[in-house]
Amino acid sequence: MIDTKFTGIVTAGWRRESTLRSGYIYQIYAYLRSQTGCGDQLADKAEGLLLHPAIGEIIDEAIMVHGHGIRFATVDLAGETEAMRKQLLNFRLGIKGEVEVSA
C-alpha cells in the first residue's frame, strides 16, 4: 500500500531534533491492518510505503510492526530525472531490500 503526503515527513521531536510524524505511522498501520483476516495471505503480510516529496533531503527508514513492513521515504524532486526514477523503482523492493535497481 502506498500513501503519499505533500507535507514534511518529519516534525520536531521531544528528545531529538526531528522525528517521523506519529499520526502518519498510525494511519498507514491502520490501512494495513484493515486488510488482514479476510483470507488473503498476501494482505495478512502486506507492506506499506509512506512517500513524501522533498527538495534536497533523502529519508528512507523502515520498521516491522506485527508482521507488516512499513517504509517512510522521500523522493528528491530537485534531483535528476534518472535519480528520481531509480529511487522510485527501489521502493518496490519492500522492506528487506535484498536487491537494488541499477541505473
N, C-alpha and C. Protein backbone atom coordinates (compact mmCIF):
# COMPACT_ATOMS: atom_id res chain seq x y z
N MET A 1 0.84 -1.15 0.00
CA MET A 1 0.00 0.00 0.00
C MET A 1 0.90 1.23 0.00
N ILE A 2 0.58 2.18 -0.82
CA ILE A 2 1.35 3.42 -0.89
C ILE A 2 0.44 4.58 -0.51
N ASP A 3 0.92 5.38 0.41
CA ASP A 3 0.22 6.59 0.82
C ASP A 3 1.17 7.75 0.59
N THR A 4 0.70 8.78 -0.08
CA THR A 4 1.55 9.95 -0.32
C THR A 4 1.01 11.14 0.44
N LYS A 5 1.90 11.97 0.87
CA LYS A 5 1.57 13.21 1.57
C LYS A 5 2.37 14.33 0.93
N PHE A 6 1.86 15.52 0.99
CA PHE A 6 2.57 16.67 0.45
C PHE A 6 2.89 17.66 1.56
N THR A 7 3.39 17.10 2.65
CA THR A 7 3.87 17.88 3.78
C THR A 7 5.20 17.27 4.20
N GLY A 8 5.85 17.85 5.17
CA GLY A 8 7.11 17.31 5.66
C GLY A 8 6.90 15.95 6.31
N ILE A 9 7.84 15.07 6.13
CA ILE A 9 7.74 13.72 6.69
C ILE A 9 8.16 13.69 8.16
N VAL A 10 8.90 14.70 8.59
CA VAL A 10 9.35 14.75 9.99
C VAL A 10 8.81 15.99 10.66
N THR A 11 8.83 15.94 11.97
CA THR A 11 8.42 17.07 12.79
C THR A 11 9.42 17.20 13.93
N ALA A 12 9.34 18.28 14.66
CA ALA A 12 10.24 18.47 15.81
C ALA A 12 9.97 17.38 16.85
N GLY A 13 11.05 16.81 17.38
CA GLY A 13 10.91 15.74 18.36
C GLY A 13 11.08 16.24 19.77
N TRP A 14 10.60 15.46 20.73
CA TRP A 14 10.75 15.81 22.13
C TRP A 14 12.17 15.57 22.61
N ARG A 15 12.77 14.49 22.12
CA ARG A 15 14.10 14.11 22.62
C ARG A 15 15.17 14.19 21.55
N ARG A 16 14.76 14.55 20.36
CA ARG A 16 15.73 14.71 19.28
C ARG A 16 15.26 15.83 18.38
N GLU A 17 16.13 16.25 17.50
CA GLU A 17 15.81 17.40 16.64
C GLU A 17 14.58 17.16 15.78
N SER A 18 14.48 15.95 15.18
CA SER A 18 13.32 15.65 14.34
C SER A 18 12.92 14.19 14.49
N THR A 19 11.67 13.92 14.19
CA THR A 19 11.13 12.57 14.30
C THR A 19 10.04 12.39 13.25
N LEU A 20 9.78 11.14 12.88
CA LEU A 20 8.70 10.87 11.94
C LEU A 20 7.37 11.28 12.58
N ARG A 21 6.46 11.75 11.77
CA ARG A 21 5.15 12.17 12.28
C ARG A 21 4.35 10.94 12.73
N SER A 22 4.07 10.85 14.02
CA SER A 22 3.42 9.66 14.57
C SER A 22 2.03 9.42 13.98
N GLY A 23 1.30 10.47 13.69
CA GLY A 23 -0.03 10.30 13.10
C GLY A 23 0.02 9.55 11.79
N TYR A 24 1.05 9.80 11.00
CA TYR A 24 1.20 9.11 9.72
C TYR A 24 1.53 7.63 9.93
N ILE A 25 2.32 7.36 10.96
CA ILE A 25 2.66 5.97 11.28
C ILE A 25 1.39 5.20 11.64
N TYR A 26 0.58 5.77 12.52
CA TYR A 26 -0.67 5.12 12.91
C TYR A 26 -1.61 4.95 11.72
N GLN A 27 -1.65 5.95 10.85
CA GLN A 27 -2.56 5.91 9.71
C GLN A 27 -2.21 4.77 8.75
N ILE A 28 -0.95 4.67 8.36
CA ILE A 28 -0.59 3.62 7.40
C ILE A 28 -0.71 2.24 8.05
N TYR A 29 -0.42 2.14 9.33
CA TYR A 29 -0.60 0.87 10.04
C TYR A 29 -2.08 0.49 10.05
N ALA A 30 -2.97 1.44 10.28
CA ALA A 30 -4.41 1.16 10.26
C ALA A 30 -4.86 0.70 8.88
N TYR A 31 -4.32 1.31 7.83
CA TYR A 31 -4.65 0.86 6.47
C TYR A 31 -4.25 -0.60 6.28
N LEU A 32 -3.05 -0.95 6.69
CA LEU A 32 -2.56 -2.32 6.52
C LEU A 32 -3.39 -3.31 7.34
N ARG A 33 -3.67 -2.97 8.57
CA ARG A 33 -4.43 -3.86 9.45
C ARG A 33 -5.86 -4.04 8.96
N SER A 34 -6.41 -3.05 8.28
CA SER A 34 -7.79 -3.16 7.80
C SER A 34 -7.93 -4.23 6.71
N GLN A 35 -6.82 -4.65 6.13
CA GLN A 35 -6.84 -5.64 5.06
C GLN A 35 -6.61 -7.07 5.55
N THR A 36 -6.26 -7.23 6.80
CA THR A 36 -5.92 -8.57 7.31
C THR A 36 -7.15 -9.33 7.76
N GLY A 37 -6.99 -10.66 7.83
CA GLY A 37 -8.04 -11.51 8.35
C GLY A 37 -9.18 -11.78 7.39
N CYS A 38 -8.97 -11.52 6.11
CA CYS A 38 -10.03 -11.73 5.11
C CYS A 38 -9.76 -12.96 4.25
N GLY A 39 -8.81 -13.79 4.66
CA GLY A 39 -8.50 -14.99 3.91
C GLY A 39 -7.47 -14.81 2.81
N ASP A 40 -6.88 -13.64 2.73
CA ASP A 40 -5.85 -13.37 1.71
C ASP A 40 -4.50 -13.32 2.41
N GLN A 41 -3.67 -14.35 2.18
CA GLN A 41 -2.37 -14.42 2.87
C GLN A 41 -1.47 -13.25 2.51
N LEU A 42 -1.55 -12.75 1.29
CA LEU A 42 -0.73 -11.60 0.91
C LEU A 42 -1.15 -10.35 1.70
N ALA A 43 -2.44 -10.16 1.87
CA ALA A 43 -2.92 -9.00 2.63
C ALA A 43 -2.51 -9.10 4.09
N ASP A 44 -2.45 -10.33 4.60
CA ASP A 44 -2.07 -10.53 6.01
C ASP A 44 -0.63 -10.12 6.27
N LYS A 45 0.19 -10.07 5.24
CA LYS A 45 1.60 -9.68 5.38
C LYS A 45 1.93 -8.45 4.53
N ALA A 46 0.92 -7.68 4.18
CA ALA A 46 1.10 -6.52 3.30
C ALA A 46 2.10 -5.53 3.88
N GLU A 47 2.76 -4.80 3.00
CA GLU A 47 3.71 -3.76 3.40
C GLU A 47 3.18 -2.41 2.96
N GLY A 48 3.65 -1.38 3.62
CA GLY A 48 3.20 -0.04 3.30
C GLY A 48 4.38 0.89 3.05
N LEU A 49 4.14 1.87 2.21
CA LEU A 49 5.13 2.91 1.91
C LEU A 49 4.47 4.26 2.09
N LEU A 50 5.01 5.07 2.97
CA LEU A 50 4.56 6.45 3.13
C LEU A 50 5.56 7.31 2.40
N LEU A 51 5.14 7.90 1.30
CA LEU A 51 6.04 8.61 0.39
C LEU A 51 5.76 10.10 0.41
N HIS A 52 6.82 10.87 0.62
CA HIS A 52 6.73 12.33 0.65
C HIS A 52 7.67 12.92 -0.39
N PRO A 53 7.28 14.01 -1.04
CA PRO A 53 8.22 14.72 -1.89
C PRO A 53 9.15 15.55 -1.00
N ALA A 54 10.34 15.80 -1.47
CA ALA A 54 11.30 16.62 -0.73
C ALA A 54 12.21 17.33 -1.72
N ILE A 55 12.91 18.31 -1.24
CA ILE A 55 13.91 19.01 -2.05
C ILE A 55 15.21 18.99 -1.28
N GLY A 56 16.18 18.24 -1.82
CA GLY A 56 17.50 18.16 -1.20
C GLY A 56 17.55 17.33 0.07
N GLU A 57 16.54 16.52 0.31
CA GLU A 57 16.50 15.72 1.54
C GLU A 57 16.12 14.29 1.17
N ILE A 58 16.91 13.34 1.65
CA ILE A 58 16.61 11.94 1.40
C ILE A 58 16.38 11.26 2.74
N ILE A 59 15.20 10.67 2.89
CA ILE A 59 14.87 9.88 4.07
C ILE A 59 14.38 8.54 3.57
N ASP A 60 14.88 7.47 4.16
CA ASP A 60 14.43 6.12 3.81
C ASP A 60 14.60 5.26 5.05
N GLU A 61 13.52 5.13 5.81
CA GLU A 61 13.52 4.37 7.06
C GLU A 61 12.47 3.28 6.96
N ALA A 62 12.70 2.17 7.62
CA ALA A 62 11.74 1.07 7.59
C ALA A 62 11.64 0.41 8.95
N ILE A 63 10.43 -0.06 9.25
CA ILE A 63 10.19 -0.79 10.50
C ILE A 63 9.26 -1.96 10.21
N MET A 64 9.25 -2.93 11.11
CA MET A 64 8.29 -4.03 11.06
C MET A 64 7.37 -3.87 12.27
N VAL A 65 6.06 -3.91 12.03
CA VAL A 65 5.08 -3.80 13.10
C VAL A 65 4.07 -4.93 12.93
N HIS A 66 4.09 -5.87 13.86
CA HIS A 66 3.16 -7.00 13.83
C HIS A 66 3.11 -7.68 12.47
N GLY A 67 4.27 -7.94 11.90
CA GLY A 67 4.35 -8.66 10.64
C GLY A 67 4.17 -7.81 9.39
N HIS A 68 3.98 -6.52 9.56
CA HIS A 68 3.82 -5.62 8.42
C HIS A 68 5.04 -4.70 8.32
N GLY A 69 5.68 -4.71 7.17
CA GLY A 69 6.77 -3.79 6.93
C GLY A 69 6.20 -2.44 6.55
N ILE A 70 6.74 -1.40 7.16
CA ILE A 70 6.31 -0.03 6.85
C ILE A 70 7.56 0.79 6.54
N ARG A 71 7.54 1.44 5.40
CA ARG A 71 8.68 2.24 4.95
C ARG A 71 8.25 3.70 4.86
N PHE A 72 9.13 4.58 5.30
CA PHE A 72 8.91 6.02 5.27
C PHE A 72 10.02 6.61 4.41
N ALA A 73 9.64 7.25 3.31
CA ALA A 73 10.67 7.69 2.37
C ALA A 73 10.28 9.00 1.70
N THR A 74 11.32 9.66 1.21
CA THR A 74 11.12 10.87 0.40
C THR A 74 11.69 10.62 -0.98
N VAL A 75 11.19 11.36 -1.94
CA VAL A 75 11.77 11.37 -3.27
C VAL A 75 12.19 12.82 -3.52
N ASP A 76 13.44 13.01 -3.91
CA ASP A 76 14.01 14.34 -4.08
C ASP A 76 13.57 14.94 -5.41
N LEU A 77 12.65 15.88 -5.38
CA LEU A 77 12.12 16.50 -6.60
C LEU A 77 13.11 17.44 -7.26
N ALA A 78 14.18 17.79 -6.55
CA ALA A 78 15.21 18.66 -7.14
C ALA A 78 16.29 17.84 -7.85
N GLY A 79 16.21 16.53 -7.75
CA GLY A 79 17.22 15.67 -8.34
C GLY A 79 17.03 15.48 -9.83
N GLU A 80 17.98 14.80 -10.42
CA GLU A 80 17.90 14.46 -11.84
C GLU A 80 16.79 13.43 -12.06
N THR A 81 16.20 13.46 -13.22
CA THR A 81 15.10 12.56 -13.54
C THR A 81 15.49 11.10 -13.34
N GLU A 82 16.66 10.72 -13.80
CA GLU A 82 17.09 9.32 -13.68
C GLU A 82 17.28 8.93 -12.22
N ALA A 83 17.76 9.85 -11.39
CA ALA A 83 17.94 9.56 -9.97
C ALA A 83 16.57 9.36 -9.30
N MET A 84 15.58 10.18 -9.66
CA MET A 84 14.24 10.01 -9.11
C MET A 84 13.65 8.68 -9.55
N ARG A 85 13.84 8.33 -10.79
CA ARG A 85 13.34 7.05 -11.32
C ARG A 85 13.94 5.88 -10.53
N LYS A 86 15.24 5.93 -10.31
CA LYS A 86 15.92 4.85 -9.58
C LYS A 86 15.38 4.77 -8.15
N GLN A 87 15.20 5.93 -7.52
CA GLN A 87 14.66 5.96 -6.16
C GLN A 87 13.29 5.28 -6.12
N LEU A 88 12.41 5.65 -7.02
CA LEU A 88 11.06 5.12 -7.03
C LEU A 88 11.05 3.62 -7.32
N LEU A 89 11.89 3.17 -8.24
CA LEU A 89 11.95 1.74 -8.54
C LEU A 89 12.48 0.94 -7.36
N ASN A 90 13.41 1.50 -6.61
CA ASN A 90 13.95 0.79 -5.45
C ASN A 90 12.91 0.64 -4.34
N PHE A 91 11.93 1.51 -4.28
CA PHE A 91 10.90 1.39 -3.25
C PHE A 91 10.07 0.13 -3.43
N ARG A 92 9.95 -0.37 -4.63
CA ARG A 92 9.14 -1.57 -4.87
C ARG A 92 9.77 -2.82 -4.26
N LEU A 93 11.01 -2.72 -3.82
CA LEU A 93 11.72 -3.88 -3.29
C LEU A 93 11.26 -4.28 -1.90
N GLY A 94 10.44 -3.48 -1.29
CA GLY A 94 9.93 -3.81 0.03
C GLY A 94 10.91 -3.43 1.13
N ILE A 95 10.62 -3.91 2.28
CA ILE A 95 11.38 -3.54 3.47
C ILE A 95 12.74 -4.20 3.50
N LYS A 96 12.84 -5.42 3.05
CA LYS A 96 14.11 -6.15 3.13
C LYS A 96 15.16 -5.59 2.18
N GLY A 97 14.73 -5.18 0.98
CA GLY A 97 15.65 -4.55 0.03
C GLY A 97 16.82 -5.42 -0.35
N GLU A 98 16.59 -6.70 -0.67
CA GLU A 98 17.69 -7.61 -0.97
C GLU A 98 18.49 -7.18 -2.19
N VAL A 99 17.84 -6.53 -3.14
CA VAL A 99 18.46 -6.18 -4.41
C VAL A 99 18.17 -4.72 -4.70
N GLU A 100 19.12 -4.02 -5.22
CA GLU A 100 18.89 -2.64 -5.65
C GLU A 100 18.84 -2.57 -7.15
N VAL A 101 18.01 -1.67 -7.65
CA VAL A 101 17.90 -1.46 -9.08
C VAL A 101 19.09 -0.64 -9.53
N SER A 102 19.77 -1.10 -10.59
CA SER A 102 20.89 -0.32 -11.11
C SER A 102 20.36 0.66 -12.14
N ALA A 103 21.19 1.63 -12.48
CA ALA A 103 20.79 2.67 -13.43
C ALA A 103 20.27 2.05 -14.69
